[in-house]
Amino acid sequence: MEPVTDSVEDYLKAAGRSAEMTVLDGWITAELPGLSRVLWRGRMWGGTDQTIIGYGKLRQPRPRGAAVDWFLIGLAEQTKHLSVYVNAAEDGKYLIQQRADRLGRVKVGAAALTFTTLEHLDEAEFLSLIARAGALNPEVV
């Protein structure tokens, strides 16, 4: 995946789930004001083509191979659900994994949180998660 220069605002307006995406974008930008906000496009490691709004830029080490430029928080619309990626860890475990039982009716991967509707996400816990990710990564711009 690579950052692209396409407009985040245009992407949000054109999204199939524009209203929910706009709410999530608002929550993230309110919790982490001043972070860069850039569209990323390309093939994810799992082989699917994605468009992700990336918040903040960081250099992420990979288990095998060289470190990559990546985002701290990512927001994506999928065919049947919404995804939020939180690339922040504490005590050797991704924050999403640590808080999985408090985030609502969601599915949790290593650093990915997916849910079918915004109503399934616990807003207060989500905002706390985003704030903690920012606090753990103060160098991210």
N, C-alpha and C. Protein backbone atom coordinates (compact mmCIF):
# COMPACT_ATOMS: atom_id res chain seq x y z
N MET A 1 0.85 -1.18 0.00
CA MET A 1 0.00 0.00 0.00
C MET A 1 0.88 1.23 0.00
N GLU A 2 0.35 2.26 -0.62
CA GLU A 2 1.08 3.52 -0.74
C GLU A 2 0.14 4.69 -0.47
N PRO A 3 0.66 5.76 0.12
CA PRO A 3 -0.17 6.96 0.23
C PRO A 3 -0.40 7.57 -1.15
N VAL A 4 -1.59 8.13 -1.35
CA VAL A 4 -1.93 8.78 -2.61
C VAL A 4 -2.41 10.20 -2.32
N THR A 5 -2.48 11.01 -3.34
CA THR A 5 -2.85 12.41 -3.14
C THR A 5 -4.34 12.68 -3.31
N ASP A 6 -5.15 11.66 -3.53
CA ASP A 6 -6.59 11.84 -3.68
C ASP A 6 -7.17 12.46 -2.40
N SER A 7 -8.25 13.16 -2.55
CA SER A 7 -8.90 13.87 -1.45
C SER A 7 -9.61 12.91 -0.49
N VAL A 8 -9.29 13.04 0.79
CA VAL A 8 -9.99 12.27 1.83
C VAL A 8 -11.46 12.68 1.86
N GLU A 9 -11.73 13.97 1.74
CA GLU A 9 -13.11 14.46 1.76
C GLU A 9 -13.93 13.86 0.63
N ASP A 10 -13.35 13.82 -0.58
CA ASP A 10 -14.07 13.24 -1.72
C ASP A 10 -14.32 11.75 -1.50
N TYR A 11 -13.34 11.06 -0.94
CA TYR A 11 -13.50 9.63 -0.64
C TYR A 11 -14.65 9.42 0.35
N LEU A 12 -14.68 10.22 1.40
CA LEU A 12 -15.74 10.09 2.40
C LEU A 12 -17.12 10.35 1.79
N LYS A 13 -17.23 11.36 0.95
CA LYS A 13 -18.51 11.69 0.31
C LYS A 13 -18.99 10.58 -0.61
N ALA A 14 -18.06 9.91 -1.28
CA ALA A 14 -18.40 8.87 -2.25
C ALA A 14 -18.58 7.50 -1.63
N ALA A 15 -18.19 7.33 -0.39
CA ALA A 15 -18.27 6.02 0.26
C ALA A 15 -19.72 5.54 0.33
N GLY A 16 -19.90 4.26 0.19
CA GLY A 16 -21.23 3.67 0.29
C GLY A 16 -21.85 3.88 1.66
N ARG A 17 -21.00 3.94 2.66
CA ARG A 17 -21.46 4.16 4.03
C ARG A 17 -20.91 5.49 4.53
N SER A 18 -21.13 6.49 3.71
CA SER A 18 -20.56 7.82 3.94
C SER A 18 -20.88 8.38 5.33
N ALA A 19 -22.11 8.24 5.77
CA ALA A 19 -22.51 8.82 7.07
C ALA A 19 -21.70 8.20 8.21
N GLU A 20 -21.60 6.87 8.23
CA GLU A 20 -20.85 6.21 9.30
C GLU A 20 -19.35 6.50 9.20
N MET A 21 -18.84 6.50 7.98
CA MET A 21 -17.41 6.81 7.78
C MET A 21 -17.10 8.23 8.25
N THR A 22 -18.00 9.17 7.97
CA THR A 22 -17.79 10.55 8.37
C THR A 22 -17.82 10.70 9.88
N VAL A 23 -18.72 9.98 10.54
CA VAL A 23 -18.76 10.00 12.01
C VAL A 23 -17.44 9.47 12.58
N LEU A 24 -17.00 8.32 12.10
CA LEU A 24 -15.75 7.74 12.60
C LEU A 24 -14.56 8.66 12.33
N ASP A 25 -14.51 9.25 11.14
CA ASP A 25 -13.46 10.19 10.81
C ASP A 25 -13.47 11.37 11.79
N GLY A 26 -14.65 11.86 12.11
CA GLY A 26 -14.77 12.96 13.07
C GLY A 26 -14.28 12.58 14.46
N TRP A 27 -14.63 11.38 14.89
CA TRP A 27 -14.16 10.92 16.21
C TRP A 27 -12.64 10.83 16.25
N ILE A 28 -12.07 10.25 15.22
CA ILE A 28 -10.61 10.05 15.19
C ILE A 28 -9.90 11.40 15.14
N THR A 29 -10.34 12.29 14.27
CA THR A 29 -9.65 13.58 14.15
C THR A 29 -9.85 14.43 15.41
N ALA A 30 -10.97 14.27 16.10
CA ALA A 30 -11.18 15.01 17.34
C ALA A 30 -10.25 14.50 18.45
N GLU A 31 -10.04 13.19 18.50
CA GLU A 31 -9.17 12.60 19.53
C GLU A 31 -7.69 12.85 19.25
N LEU A 32 -7.34 12.92 17.97
CA LEU A 32 -5.94 13.08 17.59
C LEU A 32 -5.78 14.28 16.65
N PRO A 33 -6.10 15.48 17.15
CA PRO A 33 -6.01 16.66 16.29
C PRO A 33 -4.57 16.90 15.84
N GLY A 34 -4.43 17.34 14.62
CA GLY A 34 -3.10 17.67 14.12
C GLY A 34 -2.38 16.54 13.42
N LEU A 35 -2.91 15.32 13.50
CA LEU A 35 -2.27 14.22 12.78
C LEU A 35 -2.55 14.34 11.29
N SER A 36 -1.60 13.92 10.49
CA SER A 36 -1.83 13.90 9.05
C SER A 36 -2.98 12.94 8.75
N ARG A 37 -3.64 13.17 7.64
CA ARG A 37 -4.81 12.38 7.24
C ARG A 37 -4.70 12.18 5.74
N VAL A 38 -4.35 10.96 5.33
CA VAL A 38 -3.99 10.68 3.95
C VAL A 38 -4.66 9.37 3.50
N LEU A 39 -5.08 9.34 2.24
CA LEU A 39 -5.59 8.09 1.67
C LEU A 39 -4.43 7.18 1.30
N TRP A 40 -4.58 5.91 1.59
CA TRP A 40 -3.63 4.86 1.20
C TRP A 40 -4.39 3.91 0.28
N ARG A 41 -3.74 3.50 -0.80
CA ARG A 41 -4.37 2.55 -1.72
C ARG A 41 -3.37 1.46 -2.09
N GLY A 42 -3.91 0.29 -2.35
CA GLY A 42 -3.06 -0.80 -2.82
C GLY A 42 -3.48 -2.12 -2.22
N ARG A 43 -2.59 -3.07 -2.34
CA ARG A 43 -2.84 -4.44 -1.89
C ARG A 43 -2.33 -4.61 -0.47
N MET A 44 -3.24 -5.08 0.39
CA MET A 44 -2.85 -5.40 1.76
C MET A 44 -2.10 -6.72 1.77
N TRP A 45 -1.47 -7.00 2.91
CA TRP A 45 -0.68 -8.22 3.02
C TRP A 45 -1.53 -9.46 2.78
N GLY A 46 -2.81 -9.40 3.10
CA GLY A 46 -3.69 -10.55 2.88
C GLY A 46 -4.10 -10.74 1.43
N GLY A 47 -3.72 -9.80 0.55
CA GLY A 47 -3.99 -9.95 -0.86
C GLY A 47 -5.18 -9.18 -1.40
N THR A 48 -5.89 -8.43 -0.56
CA THR A 48 -7.04 -7.67 -1.04
C THR A 48 -6.64 -6.24 -1.35
N ASP A 49 -7.27 -5.68 -2.39
CA ASP A 49 -7.07 -4.27 -2.70
C ASP A 49 -7.89 -3.43 -1.74
N GLN A 50 -7.28 -2.38 -1.21
CA GLN A 50 -7.92 -1.58 -0.18
C GLN A 50 -7.73 -0.09 -0.45
N THR A 51 -8.65 0.70 0.08
CA THR A 51 -8.48 2.14 0.24
C THR A 51 -8.69 2.40 1.72
N ILE A 52 -7.73 3.03 2.35
CA ILE A 52 -7.76 3.27 3.79
C ILE A 52 -7.42 4.72 4.05
N ILE A 53 -8.19 5.36 4.94
CA ILE A 53 -7.80 6.67 5.42
C ILE A 53 -6.79 6.43 6.53
N GLY A 54 -5.58 6.94 6.36
CA GLY A 54 -4.54 6.78 7.36
C GLY A 54 -4.35 8.05 8.15
N TYR A 55 -4.30 7.92 9.46
CA TYR A 55 -4.11 9.05 10.38
C TYR A 55 -2.75 8.89 11.03
N GLY A 56 -1.88 9.87 10.81
CA GLY A 56 -0.54 9.81 11.37
C GLY A 56 0.35 8.93 10.53
N LYS A 57 1.63 9.25 10.53
CA LYS A 57 2.61 8.47 9.76
C LYS A 57 3.67 7.96 10.73
N LEU A 58 3.97 6.68 10.61
CA LEU A 58 5.00 6.09 11.46
C LEU A 58 5.81 5.09 10.66
N ARG A 59 6.92 4.71 11.20
CA ARG A 59 7.78 3.67 10.62
C ARG A 59 7.53 2.43 11.46
N GLN A 60 6.93 1.41 10.85
CA GLN A 60 6.55 0.21 11.60
C GLN A 60 7.48 -0.94 11.28
N PRO A 61 8.10 -1.52 12.30
CA PRO A 61 8.93 -2.70 12.06
C PRO A 61 8.06 -3.87 11.65
N ARG A 62 8.57 -4.72 10.80
CA ARG A 62 7.87 -5.92 10.35
C ARG A 62 8.58 -7.15 10.92
N PRO A 63 7.84 -8.21 11.21
CA PRO A 63 8.46 -9.42 11.76
C PRO A 63 9.52 -10.01 10.83
N ARG A 64 9.25 -9.92 9.52
CA ARG A 64 10.21 -10.41 8.53
C ARG A 64 10.38 -9.30 7.51
N GLY A 65 11.60 -8.89 7.30
CA GLY A 65 11.85 -7.85 6.30
C GLY A 65 12.01 -6.48 6.92
N ALA A 66 12.17 -5.52 6.04
CA ALA A 66 12.45 -4.15 6.45
C ALA A 66 11.20 -3.47 7.01
N ALA A 67 11.41 -2.48 7.85
CA ALA A 67 10.32 -1.66 8.37
C ALA A 67 9.64 -0.93 7.21
N VAL A 68 8.37 -0.58 7.41
CA VAL A 68 7.60 0.08 6.36
C VAL A 68 6.98 1.37 6.89
N ASP A 69 6.76 2.33 5.99
CA ASP A 69 5.98 3.51 6.35
C ASP A 69 4.53 3.06 6.45
N TRP A 70 3.84 3.53 7.47
CA TRP A 70 2.48 3.07 7.71
C TRP A 70 1.74 4.16 8.45
N PHE A 71 0.52 3.92 8.84
CA PHE A 71 -0.29 4.88 9.59
C PHE A 71 -0.52 4.36 11.00
N LEU A 72 -0.75 5.28 11.92
CA LEU A 72 -1.06 4.89 13.28
C LEU A 72 -2.48 4.32 13.37
N ILE A 73 -3.44 5.05 12.78
CA ILE A 73 -4.84 4.63 12.75
C ILE A 73 -5.27 4.56 11.29
N GLY A 74 -6.04 3.56 10.94
CA GLY A 74 -6.58 3.45 9.59
C GLY A 74 -8.08 3.20 9.65
N LEU A 75 -8.80 3.77 8.69
CA LEU A 75 -10.25 3.61 8.60
C LEU A 75 -10.60 3.18 7.19
N ALA A 76 -11.36 2.07 7.07
CA ALA A 76 -11.69 1.56 5.74
C ALA A 76 -13.12 1.04 5.70
N GLU A 77 -13.73 1.22 4.54
CA GLU A 77 -15.04 0.66 4.27
C GLU A 77 -14.81 -0.65 3.50
N GLN A 78 -15.38 -1.72 4.00
CA GLN A 78 -15.30 -3.02 3.34
C GLN A 78 -16.67 -3.33 2.73
N THR A 79 -16.78 -4.43 2.05
CA THR A 79 -18.05 -4.80 1.42
C THR A 79 -19.18 -4.94 2.43
N LYS A 80 -18.92 -5.61 3.55
CA LYS A 80 -19.98 -5.89 4.51
C LYS A 80 -19.74 -5.32 5.89
N HIS A 81 -18.66 -4.61 6.07
CA HIS A 81 -18.37 -4.07 7.39
C HIS A 81 -17.43 -2.86 7.29
N LEU A 82 -17.18 -2.23 8.42
CA LEU A 82 -16.20 -1.16 8.53
C LEU A 82 -15.01 -1.70 9.30
N SER A 83 -13.84 -1.20 8.97
CA SER A 83 -12.61 -1.64 9.65
C SER A 83 -11.87 -0.44 10.19
N VAL A 84 -11.33 -0.60 11.38
CA VAL A 84 -10.42 0.37 11.97
C VAL A 84 -9.16 -0.39 12.35
N TYR A 85 -8.03 0.14 11.91
CA TYR A 85 -6.73 -0.45 12.22
C TYR A 85 -6.03 0.46 13.21
N VAL A 86 -5.53 -0.11 14.29
CA VAL A 86 -4.82 0.67 15.30
C VAL A 86 -3.45 0.02 15.48
N ASN A 87 -2.46 0.66 14.92
CA ASN A 87 -1.10 0.12 14.93
C ASN A 87 -0.32 0.64 16.12
N ALA A 88 -0.86 0.39 17.29
CA ALA A 88 -0.23 0.80 18.54
C ALA A 88 -0.27 -0.38 19.50
N ALA A 89 0.81 -0.58 20.20
CA ALA A 89 0.91 -1.69 21.14
C ALA A 89 1.40 -1.18 22.49
N GLU A 90 1.04 -1.94 23.51
CA GLU A 90 1.49 -1.65 24.86
C GLU A 90 1.74 -2.99 25.55
N ASP A 91 2.84 -3.08 26.23
CA ASP A 91 3.21 -4.33 26.90
C ASP A 91 3.24 -5.51 25.94
N GLY A 92 3.71 -5.25 24.70
CA GLY A 92 3.89 -6.31 23.71
C GLY A 92 2.62 -6.81 23.05
N LYS A 93 1.50 -6.11 23.23
CA LYS A 93 0.24 -6.56 22.65
C LYS A 93 -0.48 -5.37 22.03
N TYR A 94 -1.06 -5.58 20.84
CA TYR A 94 -1.82 -4.50 20.21
C TYR A 94 -2.95 -4.04 21.13
N LEU A 95 -3.20 -2.73 21.14
CA LEU A 95 -4.24 -2.17 21.99
C LEU A 95 -5.61 -2.77 21.70
N ILE A 96 -5.90 -3.03 20.44
CA ILE A 96 -7.20 -3.62 20.09
C ILE A 96 -7.38 -4.97 20.77
N GLN A 97 -6.33 -5.78 20.80
CA GLN A 97 -6.42 -7.08 21.45
C GLN A 97 -6.65 -6.92 22.96
N GLN A 98 -6.00 -5.94 23.55
CA GLN A 98 -6.15 -5.72 24.98
C GLN A 98 -7.55 -5.28 25.37
N ARG A 99 -8.24 -4.59 24.47
CA ARG A 99 -9.54 -4.00 24.78
C ARG A 99 -10.70 -4.69 24.07
N ALA A 100 -10.46 -5.80 23.45
CA ALA A 100 -11.46 -6.47 22.60
C ALA A 100 -12.79 -6.66 23.31
N ASP A 101 -12.76 -7.05 24.55
CA ASP A 101 -14.00 -7.35 25.27
C ASP A 101 -14.79 -6.11 25.67
N ARG A 102 -14.20 -4.93 25.48
CA ARG A 102 -14.88 -3.69 25.88
C ARG A 102 -15.34 -2.84 24.70
N LEU A 103 -15.05 -3.26 23.48
CA LEU A 103 -15.31 -2.42 22.32
C LEU A 103 -16.70 -2.61 21.71
N GLY A 104 -17.47 -3.54 22.20
CA GLY A 104 -18.81 -3.74 21.68
C GLY A 104 -18.93 -5.04 20.91
N ARG A 105 -19.94 -5.10 20.03
CA ARG A 105 -20.16 -6.29 19.19
C ARG A 105 -19.30 -6.16 17.95
N VAL A 106 -18.02 -6.51 18.12
CA VAL A 106 -17.02 -6.32 17.07
C VAL A 106 -16.20 -7.59 16.92
N LYS A 107 -15.51 -7.68 15.80
CA LYS A 107 -14.51 -8.73 15.60
C LYS A 107 -13.14 -8.07 15.71
N VAL A 108 -12.21 -8.81 16.26
CA VAL A 108 -10.88 -8.26 16.50
C VAL A 108 -9.83 -9.18 15.88
N GLY A 109 -8.91 -8.57 15.13
CA GLY A 109 -7.74 -9.26 14.62
C GLY A 109 -6.53 -8.75 15.37
N ALA A 110 -5.36 -8.94 14.82
CA ALA A 110 -4.14 -8.48 15.49
C ALA A 110 -4.22 -6.98 15.79
N ALA A 111 -4.38 -6.17 14.76
CA ALA A 111 -4.49 -4.72 14.94
C ALA A 111 -5.75 -4.19 14.29
N ALA A 112 -6.68 -5.07 13.92
CA ALA A 112 -7.88 -4.66 13.19
C ALA A 112 -9.13 -4.89 14.02
N LEU A 113 -10.02 -3.94 13.88
CA LEU A 113 -11.32 -3.97 14.53
C LEU A 113 -12.36 -3.86 13.43
N THR A 114 -13.30 -4.80 13.36
CA THR A 114 -14.34 -4.74 12.33
C THR A 114 -15.71 -4.85 12.98
N PHE A 115 -16.67 -4.17 12.36
CA PHE A 115 -18.04 -4.17 12.86
C PHE A 115 -18.97 -3.86 11.70
N THR A 116 -20.19 -4.37 11.79
CA THR A 116 -21.12 -4.23 10.68
C THR A 116 -21.88 -2.91 10.70
N THR A 117 -22.03 -2.32 11.86
CA THR A 117 -22.72 -1.05 11.98
C THR A 117 -22.13 -0.26 13.14
N LEU A 118 -22.18 1.03 13.04
CA LEU A 118 -21.62 1.91 14.06
C LEU A 118 -22.26 1.67 15.42
N GLU A 119 -23.52 1.28 15.42
CA GLU A 119 -24.22 1.02 16.69
C GLU A 119 -23.61 -0.14 17.47
N HIS A 120 -22.85 -1.00 16.80
CA HIS A 120 -22.21 -2.13 17.48
C HIS A 120 -20.93 -1.74 18.21
N LEU A 121 -20.43 -0.55 17.95
CA LEU A 121 -19.17 -0.09 18.52
C LEU A 121 -19.43 0.73 19.77
N ASP A 122 -18.74 0.43 20.86
CA ASP A 122 -18.84 1.22 22.09
C ASP A 122 -18.04 2.51 21.88
N GLU A 123 -18.75 3.62 21.73
CA GLU A 123 -18.11 4.90 21.40
C GLU A 123 -17.08 5.34 22.44
N ALA A 124 -17.43 5.29 23.71
CA ALA A 124 -16.52 5.76 24.76
C ALA A 124 -15.23 4.93 24.77
N GLU A 125 -15.36 3.62 24.66
CA GLU A 125 -14.17 2.76 24.66
C GLU A 125 -13.34 2.97 23.40
N PHE A 126 -14.02 3.18 22.27
CA PHE A 126 -13.31 3.45 21.02
C PHE A 126 -12.50 4.74 21.13
N LEU A 127 -13.12 5.79 21.66
CA LEU A 127 -12.40 7.06 21.81
C LEU A 127 -11.22 6.91 22.76
N SER A 128 -11.40 6.16 23.82
CA SER A 128 -10.30 5.89 24.76
C SER A 128 -9.16 5.14 24.07
N LEU A 129 -9.51 4.18 23.24
CA LEU A 129 -8.52 3.42 22.48
C LEU A 129 -7.71 4.33 21.56
N ILE A 130 -8.39 5.21 20.83
CA ILE A 130 -7.73 6.12 19.91
C ILE A 130 -6.82 7.08 20.68
N ALA A 131 -7.31 7.62 21.79
CA ALA A 131 -6.50 8.53 22.59
C ALA A 131 -5.25 7.83 23.13
N ARG A 132 -5.39 6.60 23.57
CA ARG A 132 -4.24 5.85 24.10
C ARG A 132 -3.21 5.58 23.00
N ALA A 133 -3.68 5.26 21.80
CA ALA A 133 -2.77 5.03 20.68
C ALA A 133 -1.95 6.28 20.42
N GLY A 134 -2.60 7.43 20.46
CA GLY A 134 -1.86 8.69 20.27
C GLY A 134 -0.89 8.97 21.39
N ALA A 135 -1.28 8.70 22.62
CA ALA A 135 -0.40 8.94 23.77
C ALA A 135 0.83 8.05 23.74
N LEU A 136 0.67 6.83 23.24
CA LEU A 136 1.81 5.90 23.16
C LEU A 136 2.75 6.23 22.01
N ASN A 137 2.31 7.06 21.09
CA ASN A 137 3.09 7.39 19.88
C ASN A 137 3.16 8.91 19.67
N PRO A 138 3.72 9.64 20.63
CA PRO A 138 3.70 11.11 20.53
C PRO A 138 4.52 11.66 19.36
N GLU A 139 5.42 10.86 18.80
CA GLU A 139 6.25 11.32 17.69
C GLU A 139 5.54 11.25 16.35
N VAL A 140 4.39 10.60 16.30
CA VAL A 140 3.65 10.45 15.04
C VAL A 140 3.08 11.81 14.64
N VAL A 141 3.20 12.10 13.34
CA VAL A 141 2.71 13.39 12.84
C VAL A 141 1.55 13.18 11.87
